[in-house]
Amino acid sequence: MRSAGDARLEGLLRKGLARPDPLRLGIEGAPNEELVGSGGKVSPALSSVGPRVRARDGGGTAVPELRVQAQRVAQTLLGSLGERRAAV
């Protein structure tokens, strides 16, 4: 996988906060769009939408696909907010 000079992506890869997907077309994301780090651990603090996670979804550049990905991220964030409120 090439990071194409993207300093943010290079930093995530270097720090182990993201890892290439199995096909090395982008980065690996969990089904809810959270990033998968170098050790296979899913990060609840980092999500990705778009072509960087294209290997899992088979694209990630068309508006309908992006809409679904963005909805997953929003649902995950809302769920985590609900969990935090319940803990308070």
Protein backbone atom coordinates (compact mmCIF):
# COMPACT_ATOMS: atom_id res chain seq x y z
CA MET A 1 0.00 0.00 0.00
CA ARG A 2 1.24 3.45 -0.82
CA SER A 3 0.30 6.35 1.39
CA ALA A 4 0.79 8.76 -1.53
CA GLY A 5 2.54 11.34 0.65
CA ASP A 6 -0.33 11.55 3.14
CA ALA A 7 1.44 12.55 6.36
CA ARG A 8 -1.56 11.68 8.55
CA LEU A 9 -1.86 8.19 7.10
CA GLU A 10 1.90 7.63 7.31
CA GLY A 11 1.80 8.67 10.98
CA LEU A 12 -1.06 6.28 11.78
CA LEU A 13 0.78 3.41 10.08
CA ARG A 14 4.11 4.25 11.72
CA LYS A 15 2.54 4.43 15.20
CA GLY A 16 0.65 1.16 14.67
CA LEU A 17 -2.75 2.87 14.95
CA ALA A 18 -3.70 1.58 11.49
CA ARG A 19 -2.55 -1.28 9.31
CA PRO A 20 -2.87 -2.11 5.62
CA ASP A 21 -5.85 -4.22 4.62
CA PRO A 22 -5.19 -7.82 3.52
CA LEU A 23 -5.09 -6.80 -0.18
CA ARG A 24 -2.86 -3.78 0.59
CA LEU A 25 -5.26 -1.48 -1.26
CA GLY A 26 -5.95 0.74 1.71
CA ILE A 27 -6.25 0.49 5.48
CA GLU A 28 -8.14 -2.13 7.41
CA GLY A 29 -11.35 -1.08 9.03
CA ALA A 30 -13.79 -2.90 11.27
CA PRO A 31 -17.40 -3.32 10.08
CA ASN A 32 -18.37 -0.15 11.99
CA GLU A 33 -15.54 1.79 10.21
CA GLU A 34 -13.21 1.92 13.23
CA LEU A 35 -9.57 1.47 12.29
CA VAL A 36 -7.72 -1.77 12.98
CA GLY A 37 -4.23 -1.24 14.40
CA SER A 38 -1.06 -3.20 13.76
CA GLY A 39 -1.82 -5.71 16.52
CA GLY A 40 -5.34 -6.35 15.23
CA LYS A 41 -6.95 -4.26 17.95
CA VAL A 42 -9.88 -2.08 16.87
CA SER A 43 -9.58 1.58 17.86
CA PRO A 44 -12.81 3.11 19.20
CA ALA A 45 -11.25 6.56 18.77
CA LEU A 46 -10.31 6.34 15.07
CA SER A 47 -12.66 5.82 12.12
CA SER A 48 -12.27 6.07 8.37
CA VAL A 49 -14.77 6.69 5.60
CA GLY A 50 -14.05 6.55 1.89
CA PRO A 51 -11.59 4.90 -0.43
CA ARG A 52 -9.00 4.15 2.27
CA VAL A 53 -11.19 1.25 3.46
CA ARG A 54 -12.20 0.18 -0.05
CA ALA A 55 -10.91 -3.41 0.04
CA ARG A 56 -13.53 -4.44 2.60
CA ASP A 57 -16.44 -2.66 0.92
CA GLY A 58 -15.33 -3.08 -2.68
CA GLY A 59 -15.16 0.59 -3.52
CA GLY A 60 -15.86 3.38 -1.10
CA THR A 61 -15.94 6.22 -3.58
CA ALA A 62 -19.59 6.32 -4.72
CA VAL A 63 -22.00 8.52 -2.79
CA PRO A 64 -24.29 5.65 -1.69
CA GLU A 65 -21.31 3.73 -0.26
CA LEU A 66 -19.99 6.82 1.51
CA ARG A 67 -23.42 7.49 2.95
CA VAL A 68 -23.57 3.99 4.45
CA GLN A 69 -20.05 4.31 5.85
CA ALA A 70 -20.82 7.72 7.39
CA GLN A 71 -24.01 6.32 8.92
CA ARG A 72 -22.02 3.49 10.57
CA VAL A 73 -19.57 6.00 12.06
CA ALA A 74 -22.43 8.18 13.33
CA GLN A 75 -24.19 5.19 14.92
CA THR A 76 -20.95 4.08 16.59
CA LEU A 77 -20.31 7.59 17.95
CA LEU A 78 -23.89 7.96 19.21
CA GLY A 79 -23.67 4.54 20.85
CA SER A 80 -20.46 5.48 22.65
CA LEU A 81 -22.01 8.75 23.82
CA GLY A 82 -24.96 6.83 25.24
CA GLU A 83 -22.60 4.46 27.06
CA ARG A 84 -20.68 7.39 28.55
CA ARG A 85 -23.85 9.13 29.71
CA ALA A 86 -25.10 5.93 31.32
CA ALA A 87 -21.80 5.57 33.19
CA VAL A 88 -22.05 9.06 34.68
